[in-house]
Structures are given as structure tokens and as C-alpha cells.
Amino acid sequence: MPRHRIGFWYRLAAVIAKPPLVILFKRDWRGMENIPSHGGFITAINHNSYLDPLSYAHFQYNTGRVPRFLAKSGLFKVPVFGRMFQGLQLIPVYRESTDAANAFRAAVSAINKGECVAFYPEGTLTRDPDQWPMRAKTGAARVALLTKAPVIPVAQWGANEVLPPYAKAQRLRLFPRKTFKVVAGPPVNLSAYYGEEPTAEVLRAATDTIMAAITELLADVRQEPVPADRYEQPKGGAAEGLGSADRTERPKRTESKSGEDAT
């Protein structure tokens, strides 16, 4: 696979992050051949641990096609790391503000320039008690239908066994040595939605198609059947990073239905 320009900040991040990732964790990587060798594309990834961006980034970095993540705007204000996030060209997401559409425009622009933009469609760590992907927001589908760029589904498992989502005691469970499993599937077929008016119903259907592909991959990784339905985050649920969710609270399951558009 041809190598693309990675840049100073990504190489620096790799120098810092790769040694502990290689030493502390085993790897089970599959589907690198599905990462496009050229042109802009989207990756859509499940999210079940604060640690899994490192697991996924390690996988993607080794393909030579580094991703541009969407990240909460507040992270750019963190001393030192904020400067690194800028260097890594992360795309800031300004939630609940007039600048919220900027992330959408930046993602479209990056893809049109031939870059990879990584979406966590759920918008936060999964709250499903069994850690399956929950009902997603429609931002990734909106960008995909506008750009017609390939959408590569990515499923990962293992980081959540090291640092479980919303664990009350945020302790790393390093031993016994865990395996980071990452698998990329073939592009999701969204052609049925091309040319359609991007209504809430169309965006919801396209989003459900993307999430179904991710869930199928994860079911194979976990060697478990796909759940019959999907969890939906309760109204007013805590945003990622607030950590106020109690894992004993079981979010309701829901059938697919039209909902709000979101990046």
C-alpha cells in the first residue's frame, strides 16, 4: 500500500504512543486491505473505551493513511495536548453552539482533499450494558451522502477490557496482557441513498446501514450473535467525558426511527 505524507505531529505521536502499545498489548488486526490506498474516505468506528482511539489510531497509522479525528472543542484548550491536537489536525466539534456546523464543513473539505476523516457515529462511549454499538447520530451519513466518499466500517474490541466505559474506578486493567482487536470491513454500500433528499428519514436509514455493518464486524470479533435491536441513549444523557452514567442503569432498546441530525 503506498505511503502518504504523515507529518511531524503524527510521527511524534507515534514515537510516544507506539512503544507502550506494542509492549503492553497484543494485536489482532484484520482488514487493512479495505483501507483505500488513495482518495478521501470516511472511517466509522464503534466506541467502548476512552483508550480505543489509541487502539484504532495504531491500526490506521500502520496502513499509511492517517485519520483526522473529530474531537470536542474543549480538548483543544488542554495545555500541551491542545497544541498537539492542532498539529494532528483534529477537527473541533462545538456542541450546542452556532459553530457546530464548522465540523461538518471541515470534514467535507478534508475528504475532498483526499484525506481520511474518522467518525465515532455514536457521538460518545456506548451506554449499552453489553457494549454493543448503540443508536448513532447522523453526521457521518450526512457527510458520506454529500461527498459520496467510501465509508469503511471499523469494529474494535479489547481496549474496553483494559479501561471499561464509564467504570466507577478508572483503573487500567493491564494484566493479564490484553489483545486489541481491530477489523476494517469493505465499504458500506450507500448507493441506494445517493440522489435522495437528505431528509431525517434518509439520513437515519443511511446511518442504520453504517451501524449495521459495524455491528456485524463486531459480532464476528466477539464470536457472538448480532443483537436483535439497538440501545438508544436516554434523553439528557451525559456527554462523553462527564462520566456521570451509572453502568447499572440500563438504557432502553429502540427500533430504528427518524431522529435529529447531528455531527
C-alpha atoms as a PDB file:
ATOM      1  CA  MET A   1       0.000   0.000   0.000  1.00  0.00           C
ATOM      2  CA  PRO A   2       1.570   3.365  -0.972  1.00  0.00           C
ATOM      3  CA  ARG A   3       2.638   5.632   1.877  1.00  0.00           C
ATOM      4  CA  HIS A   4       1.109   9.065   2.217  1.00  0.00           C
ATOM      5  CA  ARG A   5       2.520  12.127   3.902  1.00  0.00           C
ATOM      6  CA  ILE A   6       2.054  11.651   7.623  1.00  0.00           C
ATOM      7  CA  GLY A   7       3.582  14.806   9.004  1.00  0.00           C
ATOM      8  CA  PHE A   8       5.659  15.765  12.033  1.00  0.00           C
ATOM      9  CA  TRP A   9       2.922  15.698  14.675  1.00  0.00           C
ATOM     10  CA  TYR A  10       1.603  12.264  13.752  1.00  0.00           C
ATOM     11  CA  ARG A  11       5.122  10.880  13.715  1.00  0.00           C
ATOM     12  CA  LEU A  12       5.792  12.447  17.113  1.00  0.00           C
ATOM     13  CA  ALA A  13       2.573  10.966  18.497  1.00  0.00           C
ATOM     14  CA  ALA A  14       3.608   7.578  17.101  1.00  0.00           C
ATOM     15  CA  VAL A  15       7.052   7.813  18.719  1.00  0.00           C
ATOM     16  CA  ILE A  16       5.365   8.494  22.062  1.00  0.00           C
ATOM     17  CA  ALA A  17       2.427   6.079  21.851  1.00  0.00           C
ATOM     18  CA  LYS A  18       3.596   3.058  19.863  1.00  0.00           C
ATOM     19  CA  PRO A  19       6.236   1.651  22.258  1.00  0.00           C
ATOM     20  CA  PRO A  20       3.837   1.217  25.215  1.00  0.00           C
ATOM     21  CA  LEU A  21       1.091  -0.028  22.880  1.00  0.00           C
ATOM     22  CA  VAL A  22       3.424  -2.662  21.432  1.00  0.00           C
ATOM     23  CA  ILE A  23       4.831  -3.688  24.812  1.00  0.00           C
ATOM     24  CA  LEU A  24       1.655  -3.719  26.878  1.00  0.00           C
ATOM     25  CA  PHE A  25      -0.882  -5.128  24.413  1.00  0.00           C
ATOM     26  CA  LYS A  26      -1.157  -7.885  21.864  1.00  0.00           C
ATOM     27  CA  ARG A  27      -2.731  -7.101  18.495  1.00  0.00           C
ATOM     28  CA  ASP A  28      -5.241  -8.887  16.285  1.00  0.00           C
ATOM     29  CA  TRP A  29      -5.635  -6.714  13.186  1.00  0.00           C
ATOM     30  CA  ARG A  30      -7.657  -7.632  10.118  1.00  0.00           C
ATOM     31  CA  GLY A  31      -8.947  -5.901   7.010  1.00  0.00           C
ATOM     32  CA  MET A  32      -6.130  -3.437   6.339  1.00  0.00           C
ATOM     33  CA  GLU A  33      -6.633  -4.196   2.645  1.00  0.00           C
ATOM     34  CA  ASN A  34     -10.015  -2.442   2.901  1.00  0.00           C
ATOM     35  CA  ILE A  35      -8.411   0.896   3.746  1.00  0.00           C
ATOM     36  CA  PRO A  36      -8.296   2.846   0.437  1.00  0.00           C
ATOM     37  CA  SER A  37      -4.796   3.461  -0.902  1.00  0.00           C
ATOM     38  CA  HIS A  38      -5.746   6.855  -2.319  1.00  0.00           C
ATOM     39  CA  GLY A  39      -8.535   9.428  -2.283  1.00  0.00           C
ATOM     40  CA  GLY A  40     -10.719  10.737   0.509  1.00  0.00           C
ATOM     41  CA  PHE A  41     -12.756   8.369   2.648  1.00  0.00           C
ATOM     42  CA  ILE A  42     -14.572   8.004   5.953  1.00  0.00           C
ATOM     43  CA  THR A  43     -13.995   5.502   8.710  1.00  0.00           C
ATOM     44  CA  ALA A  44     -16.894   4.795  11.077  1.00  0.00           C
ATOM     45  CA  ILE A  45     -15.841   3.186  14.357  1.00  0.00           C
ATOM     46  CA  ASN A  46     -17.547   1.810  17.460  1.00  0.00           C
ATOM     47  CA  HIS A  47     -16.566   3.446  20.752  1.00  0.00           C
ATOM     48  CA  ASN A  48     -16.396   1.482  24.015  1.00  0.00           C
ATOM     49  CA  SER A  49     -13.383   2.881  25.902  1.00  0.00           C
ATOM     50  CA  TYR A  50     -11.502   6.125  26.406  1.00  0.00           C
ATOM     51  CA  LEU A  51      -8.489   4.079  25.315  1.00  0.00           C
ATOM     52  CA  ASP A  52      -9.843   2.824  21.991  1.00  0.00           C
ATOM     53  CA  PRO A  53      -8.822   5.895  19.918  1.00  0.00           C
ATOM     54  CA  LEU A  54      -5.223   4.780  20.527  1.00  0.00           C
ATOM     55  CA  SER A  55      -6.039   1.214  19.502  1.00  0.00           C
ATOM     56  CA  TYR A  56      -7.725   2.347  16.296  1.00  0.00           C
ATOM     57  CA  ALA A  57      -5.118   5.053  15.527  1.00  0.00           C
ATOM     58  CA  HIS A  58      -2.309   2.498  15.856  1.00  0.00           C
ATOM     59  CA  PHE A  59      -4.060   0.236  13.349  1.00  0.00           C
ATOM     60  CA  GLN A  60      -4.777   3.045  10.904  1.00  0.00           C
ATOM     61  CA  TYR A  61      -1.311   4.597  11.219  1.00  0.00           C
ATOM     62  CA  ASN A  62       0.219   1.313  10.103  1.00  0.00           C
ATOM     63  CA  THR A  63      -1.797   1.420   6.874  1.00  0.00           C
ATOM     64  CA  GLY A  64      -0.098   4.692   5.893  1.00  0.00           C
ATOM     65  CA  ARG A  65      -3.458   6.532   5.763  1.00  0.00           C
ATOM     66  CA  VAL A  66      -3.692   8.516   8.977  1.00  0.00           C
ATOM     67  CA  PRO A  67      -7.145   9.669  10.108  1.00  0.00           C
ATOM     68  CA  ARG A  68      -8.369  13.105  11.076  1.00  0.00           C
ATOM     69  CA  PHE A  69     -10.495  12.666  14.178  1.00  0.00           C
ATOM     70  CA  LEU A  70     -13.439  14.780  15.241  1.00  0.00           C
ATOM     71  CA  ALA A  71     -12.881  15.908  18.828  1.00  0.00           C
ATOM     72  CA  LYS A  72     -14.716  18.027  21.385  1.00  0.00           C
ATOM     73  CA  SER A  73     -13.602  21.648  21.178  1.00  0.00           C
ATOM     74  CA  GLY A  74     -12.715  21.695  24.875  1.00  0.00           C
ATOM     75  CA  LEU A  75      -9.845  19.270  24.294  1.00  0.00           C
ATOM     76  CA  PHE A  76      -8.016  21.927  22.291  1.00  0.00           C
ATOM     77  CA  LYS A  77      -7.772  24.052  25.446  1.00  0.00           C
ATOM     78  CA  VAL A  78      -5.831  21.409  27.384  1.00  0.00           C
ATOM     79  CA  PRO A  79      -2.244  22.626  27.948  1.00  0.00           C
ATOM     80  CA  VAL A  80       0.360  20.942  25.720  1.00  0.00           C
ATOM     81  CA  PHE A  81      -2.122  18.407  24.344  1.00  0.00           C
ATOM     82  CA  GLY A  82      -4.160  21.173  22.748  1.00  0.00           C
ATOM     83  CA  ARG A  83      -1.162  22.148  20.639  1.00  0.00           C
ATOM     84  CA  MET A  84      -0.620  18.521  19.660  1.00  0.00           C
ATOM     85  CA  PHE A  85      -4.277  18.134  18.692  1.00  0.00           C
ATOM     86  CA  GLN A  86      -3.934  21.154  16.423  1.00  0.00           C
ATOM     87  CA  GLY A  87      -0.806  19.648  14.880  1.00  0.00           C
ATOM     88  CA  LEU A  88      -2.636  16.375  14.313  1.00  0.00           C
ATOM     89  CA  GLN A  89      -5.321  18.401  12.512  1.00  0.00           C
ATOM     90  CA  LEU A  90      -8.137  17.084  14.641  1.00  0.00           C
ATOM     91  CA  ILE A  91     -11.454  18.661  13.701  1.00  0.00           C
ATOM     92  CA  PRO A  92     -13.039  20.529  16.643  1.00  0.00           C
ATOM     93  CA  VAL A  93     -16.701  19.884  17.345  1.00  0.00           C
ATOM     94  CA  TYR A  94     -18.523  22.774  19.028  1.00  0.00           C
ATOM     95  CA  ARG A  95     -21.597  21.153  20.513  1.00  0.00           C
ATOM     96  CA  GLU A  96     -24.740  23.161  21.125  1.00  0.00           C
ATOM     97  CA  SER A  97     -23.317  26.337  19.536  1.00  0.00           C
ATOM     98  CA  THR A  98     -23.534  28.368  16.347  1.00  0.00           C
ATOM     99  CA  ASP A  99     -20.144  26.903  15.356  1.00  0.00           C
ATOM    100  CA  ALA A 100     -21.438  23.317  15.373  1.00  0.00           C
ATOM    101  CA  ALA A 101     -21.650  23.226  11.559  1.00  0.00           C
ATOM    102  CA  ASN A 102     -17.937  24.016  11.229  1.00  0.00           C
ATOM    103  CA  ALA A 103     -17.014  20.399  11.929  1.00  0.00           C
ATOM    104  CA  PHE A 104     -19.327  19.267   9.135  1.00  0.00           C
ATOM    105  CA  ARG A 105     -17.743  21.701   6.664  1.00  0.00           C
ATOM    106  CA  ALA A 106     -14.208  20.803   7.785  1.00  0.00           C
ATOM    107  CA  ALA A 107     -14.903  17.089   7.375  1.00  0.00           C
ATOM    108  CA  VAL A 108     -16.269  17.581   3.864  1.00  0.00           C
ATOM    109  CA  SER A 109     -13.290  19.768   2.942  1.00  0.00           C
ATOM    110  CA  ALA A 110     -10.785  17.213   4.264  1.00  0.00           C
ATOM    111  CA  ILE A 111     -12.401  14.359   2.343  1.00  0.00           C
ATOM    112  CA  ASN A 112     -12.489  16.418  -0.858  1.00  0.00           C
ATOM    113  CA  LYS A 113      -8.743  16.973  -0.389  1.00  0.00           C
ATOM    114  CA  GLY A 114      -8.193  13.215  -0.327  1.00  0.00           C
ATOM    115  CA  GLU A 115      -7.928  12.734   3.432  1.00  0.00           C
ATOM    116  CA  CYS A 116      -9.477  10.235   5.831  1.00  0.00           C
ATOM    117  CA  VAL A 117     -11.937  11.534   8.420  1.00  0.00           C
ATOM    118  CA  ALA A 118     -12.702   9.231  11.353  1.00  0.00           C
ATOM    119  CA  PHE A 119     -16.192   9.311  12.844  1.00  0.00           C
ATOM    120  CA  TYR A 120     -17.446   7.775  16.059  1.00  0.00           C
ATOM    121  CA  PRO A 121     -21.083   7.841  14.913  1.00  0.00           C
ATOM    122  CA  GLU A 122     -22.466   7.187  18.400  1.00  0.00           C
ATOM    123  CA  GLY A 123     -21.013  10.538  19.483  1.00  0.00           C
ATOM    124  CA  THR A 124     -19.978   9.168  22.871  1.00  0.00           C
ATOM    125  CA  LEU A 125     -18.966   5.960  24.610  1.00  0.00           C
ATOM    126  CA  THR A 126     -21.597   3.280  24.216  1.00  0.00           C
ATOM    127  CA  ARG A 127     -24.008   3.000  27.120  1.00  0.00           C
ATOM    128  CA  ASP A 128     -25.209  -0.422  26.045  1.00  0.00           C
ATOM    129  CA  PRO A 129     -24.678  -2.685  29.079  1.00  0.00           C
ATOM    130  CA  ASP A 130     -23.236  -5.363  26.769  1.00  0.00           C
ATOM    131  CA  GLN A 131     -21.064  -2.791  24.969  1.00  0.00           C
ATOM    132  CA  TRP A 132     -22.625  -3.180  21.540  1.00  0.00           C
ATOM    133  CA  PRO A 133     -22.855  -0.072  19.351  1.00  0.00           C
ATOM    134  CA  MET A 134     -25.889   1.991  20.267  1.00  0.00           C
ATOM    135  CA  ARG A 135     -28.139   4.177  18.117  1.00  0.00           C
ATOM    136  CA  ALA A 136     -25.929   6.685  16.297  1.00  0.00           C
ATOM    137  CA  LYS A 137     -26.107  10.288  15.256  1.00  0.00           C
ATOM    138  CA  THR A 138     -26.417  11.020  11.544  1.00  0.00           C
ATOM    139  CA  GLY A 139     -23.375  13.247  10.909  1.00  0.00           C
ATOM    140  CA  ALA A 140     -21.227  10.544   9.270  1.00  0.00           C
ATOM    141  CA  ALA A 141     -24.075   9.601   6.923  1.00  0.00           C
ATOM    142  CA  ARG A 142     -24.676  13.248   6.013  1.00  0.00           C
ATOM    143  CA  VAL A 143     -21.004  13.718   5.067  1.00  0.00           C
ATOM    144  CA  ALA A 144     -20.947  10.403   3.218  1.00  0.00           C
ATOM    145  CA  LEU A 145     -24.004  11.204   1.100  1.00  0.00           C
ATOM    146  CA  LEU A 146     -22.694  14.651   0.262  1.00  0.00           C
ATOM    147  CA  THR A 147     -19.176  13.548  -0.712  1.00  0.00           C
ATOM    148  CA  LYS A 148     -20.045  10.011  -1.926  1.00  0.00           C
ATOM    149  CA  ALA A 149     -16.740   9.007  -0.333  1.00  0.00           C
ATOM    150  CA  PRO A 150     -16.242   5.362   0.696  1.00  0.00           C
ATOM    151  CA  VAL A 151     -17.350   4.609   4.241  1.00  0.00           C
ATOM    152  CA  ILE A 152     -15.151   1.959   5.854  1.00  0.00           C
ATOM    153  CA  PRO A 153     -16.744   0.330   8.920  1.00  0.00           C
ATOM    154  CA  VAL A 154     -14.302  -0.442  11.722  1.00  0.00           C
ATOM    155  CA  ALA A 155     -15.035  -2.614  14.755  1.00  0.00           C
ATOM    156  CA  GLN A 156     -12.736  -2.830  17.746  1.00  0.00           C
ATOM    157  CA  TRP A 157     -12.668  -4.768  20.976  1.00  0.00           C
ATOM    158  CA  GLY A 158     -10.115  -5.108  23.760  1.00  0.00           C
ATOM    159  CA  ALA A 159      -9.449  -1.544  24.876  1.00  0.00           C
ATOM    160  CA  ASN A 160     -12.704  -1.800  26.843  1.00  0.00           C
ATOM    161  CA  GLU A 161     -11.256  -4.749  28.746  1.00  0.00           C
ATOM    162  CA  VAL A 162      -8.335  -2.559  29.804  1.00  0.00           C
ATOM    163  CA  LEU A 163     -10.396   0.535  30.595  1.00  0.00           C
ATOM    164  CA  PRO A 164     -14.150  -0.216  30.645  1.00  0.00           C
ATOM    165  CA  PRO A 165     -16.535   2.556  29.607  1.00  0.00           C
ATOM    166  CA  TYR A 166     -17.874   4.647  32.468  1.00  0.00           C
ATOM    167  CA  ALA A 167     -16.172   2.462  35.057  1.00  0.00           C
ATOM    168  CA  LYS A 168     -16.611   3.882  38.540  1.00  0.00           C
ATOM    169  CA  ALA A 169     -12.971   3.119  39.314  1.00  0.00           C
ATOM    170  CA  GLN A 170     -10.973   4.378  36.336  1.00  0.00           C
ATOM    171  CA  ARG A 171      -8.098   1.906  36.775  1.00  0.00           C
ATOM    172  CA  LEU A 172      -6.182   0.341  33.930  1.00  0.00           C
ATOM    173  CA  ARG A 173      -6.524  -3.439  33.913  1.00  0.00           C
ATOM    174  CA  LEU A 174      -3.261  -4.257  32.200  1.00  0.00           C
ATOM    175  CA  PHE A 175      -2.794  -7.837  33.388  1.00  0.00           C
ATOM    176  CA  PRO A 176      -3.171 -10.396  32.117  1.00  0.00           C
ATOM    177  CA  ARG A 177      -1.991  -8.851  28.862  1.00  0.00           C
ATOM    178  CA  LYS A 178      -4.981  -7.912  26.688  1.00  0.00           C
ATOM    179  CA  THR A 179      -5.405  -8.108  22.904  1.00  0.00           C
ATOM    180  CA  PHE A 180      -6.506  -5.068  20.934  1.00  0.00           C
ATOM    181  CA  LYS A 181      -8.703  -6.400  18.132  1.00  0.00           C
ATOM    182  CA  VAL A 182      -9.381  -4.080  15.191  1.00  0.00           C
ATOM    183  CA  VAL A 183     -11.052  -5.097  11.943  1.00  0.00           C
ATOM    184  CA  ALA A 184     -11.901  -2.925   8.934  1.00  0.00           C
ATOM    185  CA  GLY A 185     -14.616  -4.113   6.608  1.00  0.00           C
ATOM    186  CA  PRO A 186     -15.326  -3.384   2.940  1.00  0.00           C
ATOM    187  CA  PRO A 187     -17.025  -0.071   2.090  1.00  0.00           C
ATOM    188  CA  VAL A 188     -20.651   0.225   3.156  1.00  0.00           C
ATOM    189  CA  ASN A 189     -22.978   0.320   0.153  1.00  0.00           C
ATOM    190  CA  LEU A 190     -24.909   3.586   0.439  1.00  0.00           C
ATOM    191  CA  SER A 191     -25.705   3.936  -3.262  1.00  0.00           C
ATOM    192  CA  ALA A 192     -29.428   3.487  -2.605  1.00  0.00           C
ATOM    193  CA  TYR A 193     -29.413   6.880  -0.854  1.00  0.00           C
ATOM    194  CA  TYR A 194     -27.420   8.828  -3.436  1.00  0.00           C
ATOM    195  CA  GLY A 195     -29.519  11.494  -5.106  1.00  0.00           C
ATOM    196  CA  GLU A 196     -32.151  11.357  -2.378  1.00  0.00           C
ATOM    197  CA  GLU A 197     -33.143  14.479  -0.484  1.00  0.00           C
ATOM    198  CA  PRO A 198     -31.210  14.284   2.830  1.00  0.00           C
ATOM    199  CA  THR A 199     -34.320  14.141   4.984  1.00  0.00           C
ATOM    200  CA  ALA A 200     -34.234  12.875   8.551  1.00  0.00           C
ATOM    201  CA  GLU A 201     -35.619   9.554   7.329  1.00  0.00           C
ATOM    202  CA  VAL A 202     -32.954   9.129   4.630  1.00  0.00           C
ATOM    203  CA  LEU A 203     -30.137  10.099   6.990  1.00  0.00           C
ATOM    204  CA  ARG A 204     -31.470   7.735   9.632  1.00  0.00           C
ATOM    205  CA  ALA A 205     -31.676   4.859   7.147  1.00  0.00           C
ATOM    206  CA  ALA A 206     -28.130   5.505   5.891  1.00  0.00           C
ATOM    207  CA  THR A 207     -26.860   5.754   9.467  1.00  0.00           C
ATOM    208  CA  ASP A 208     -28.530   2.479  10.407  1.00  0.00           C
ATOM    209  CA  THR A 209     -26.890   0.842   7.383  1.00  0.00           C
ATOM    210  CA  ILE A 210     -23.467   2.045   8.550  1.00  0.00           C
ATOM    211  CA  MET A 211     -24.074   0.921  12.125  1.00  0.00           C
ATOM    212  CA  ALA A 212     -25.312  -2.476  10.964  1.00  0.00           C
ATOM    213  CA  ALA A 213     -22.014  -3.005   9.134  1.00  0.00           C
ATOM    214  CA  ILE A 214     -20.008  -2.067  12.233  1.00  0.00           C
ATOM    215  CA  THR A 215     -22.125  -4.325  14.440  1.00  0.00           C
ATOM    216  CA  GLU A 216     -21.748  -7.281  12.058  1.00  0.00           C
ATOM    217  CA  LEU A 217     -17.964  -6.888  12.195  1.00  0.00           C
ATOM    218  CA  LEU A 218     -18.034  -6.646  15.977  1.00  0.00           C
ATOM    219  CA  ALA A 219     -20.214  -9.755  16.223  1.00  0.00           C
ATOM    220  CA  ASP A 220     -17.568 -11.646  14.273  1.00  0.00           C
ATOM    221  CA  VAL A 221     -14.802 -10.282  16.508  1.00  0.00           C
ATOM    222  CA  ARG A 222     -16.736 -11.228  19.654  1.00  0.00           C
ATOM    223  CA  GLN A 223     -17.995 -14.521  18.196  1.00  0.00           C
ATOM    224  CA  GLU A 224     -21.494 -13.614  19.374  1.00  0.00           C
ATOM    225  CA  PRO A 225     -24.769 -13.069  17.501  1.00  0.00           C
ATOM    226  CA  VAL A 226     -25.833  -9.582  16.481  1.00  0.00           C
ATOM    227  CA  PRO A 227     -28.376  -8.162  18.972  1.00  0.00           C
ATOM    228  CA  ALA A 228     -31.959  -8.108  17.738  1.00  0.00           C
ATOM    229  CA  ASP A 229     -32.275  -4.390  18.439  1.00  0.00           C
ATOM    230  CA  ARG A 230     -30.118  -1.423  19.406  1.00  0.00           C
ATOM    231  CA  TYR A 231     -29.822   0.653  22.551  1.00  0.00           C
ATOM    232  CA  GLU A 232     -30.644   4.330  22.458  1.00  0.00           C
ATOM    233  CA  GLN A 233     -29.009   6.820  24.817  1.00  0.00           C
ATOM    234  CA  PRO A 234     -31.640   8.222  27.201  1.00  0.00           C
ATOM    235  CA  LYS A 235     -32.693  11.826  26.700  1.00  0.00           C
ATOM    236  CA  GLY A 236     -30.482  14.159  28.664  1.00  0.00           C
ATOM    237  CA  GLY A 237     -27.721  11.545  28.967  1.00  0.00           C
ATOM    238  CA  ALA A 238     -24.282  12.773  29.948  1.00  0.00           C
ATOM    239  CA  ALA A 239     -21.889  13.776  27.225  1.00  0.00           C
ATOM    240  CA  GLU A 240     -18.702  11.811  26.772  1.00  0.00           C
ATOM    241  CA  GLY A 241     -16.098  12.776  29.300  1.00  0.00           C
ATOM    242  CA  LEU A 242     -18.544  13.737  32.064  1.00  0.00           C
ATOM    243  CA  GLY A 243     -18.605  10.191  33.371  1.00  0.00           C
ATOM    244  CA  SER A 244     -21.888  10.570  35.240  1.00  0.00           C
ATOM    245  CA  ALA A 245     -23.581   7.486  33.828  1.00  0.00           C
ATOM    246  CA  ASP A 246     -24.065   4.585  36.206  1.00  0.00           C
ATOM    247  CA  ARG A 247     -23.451   1.268  34.470  1.00  0.00           C
ATOM    248  CA  THR A 248     -26.257  -0.276  36.500  1.00  0.00           C
ATOM    249  CA  GLU A 249     -28.775   1.889  34.650  1.00  0.00           C
ATOM    250  CA  ARG A 250     -29.964   0.058  31.561  1.00  0.00           C
ATOM    251  CA  PRO A 251     -30.685   2.361  28.609  1.00  0.00           C
ATOM    252  CA  LYS A 252     -33.759   1.405  26.696  1.00  0.00           C
ATOM    253  CA  ARG A 253     -33.602  -0.520  23.459  1.00  0.00           C
ATOM    254  CA  THR A 254     -35.194   1.006  20.409  1.00  0.00           C
ATOM    255  CA  GLU A 255     -36.168   0.123  16.917  1.00  0.00           C
ATOM    256  CA  SER A 256     -34.701   2.334  14.195  1.00  0.00           C
ATOM    257  CA  LYS A 257     -36.629   5.543  13.694  1.00  0.00           C
ATOM    258  CA  SER A 258     -36.060   9.013  12.321  1.00  0.00           C
ATOM    259  CA  GLY A 259     -34.285  11.422  14.622  1.00  0.00           C
ATOM    260  CA  GLU A 260     -32.296  14.628  14.951  1.00  0.00           C
ATOM    261  CA  ASP A 261     -29.402  15.331  12.593  1.00  0.00           C
ATOM    262  CA  ALA A 262     -26.061  15.767  14.324  1.00  0.00           C
ATOM    263  CA  THR A 263     -22.382  15.896  13.510  1.00  0.00           C
END
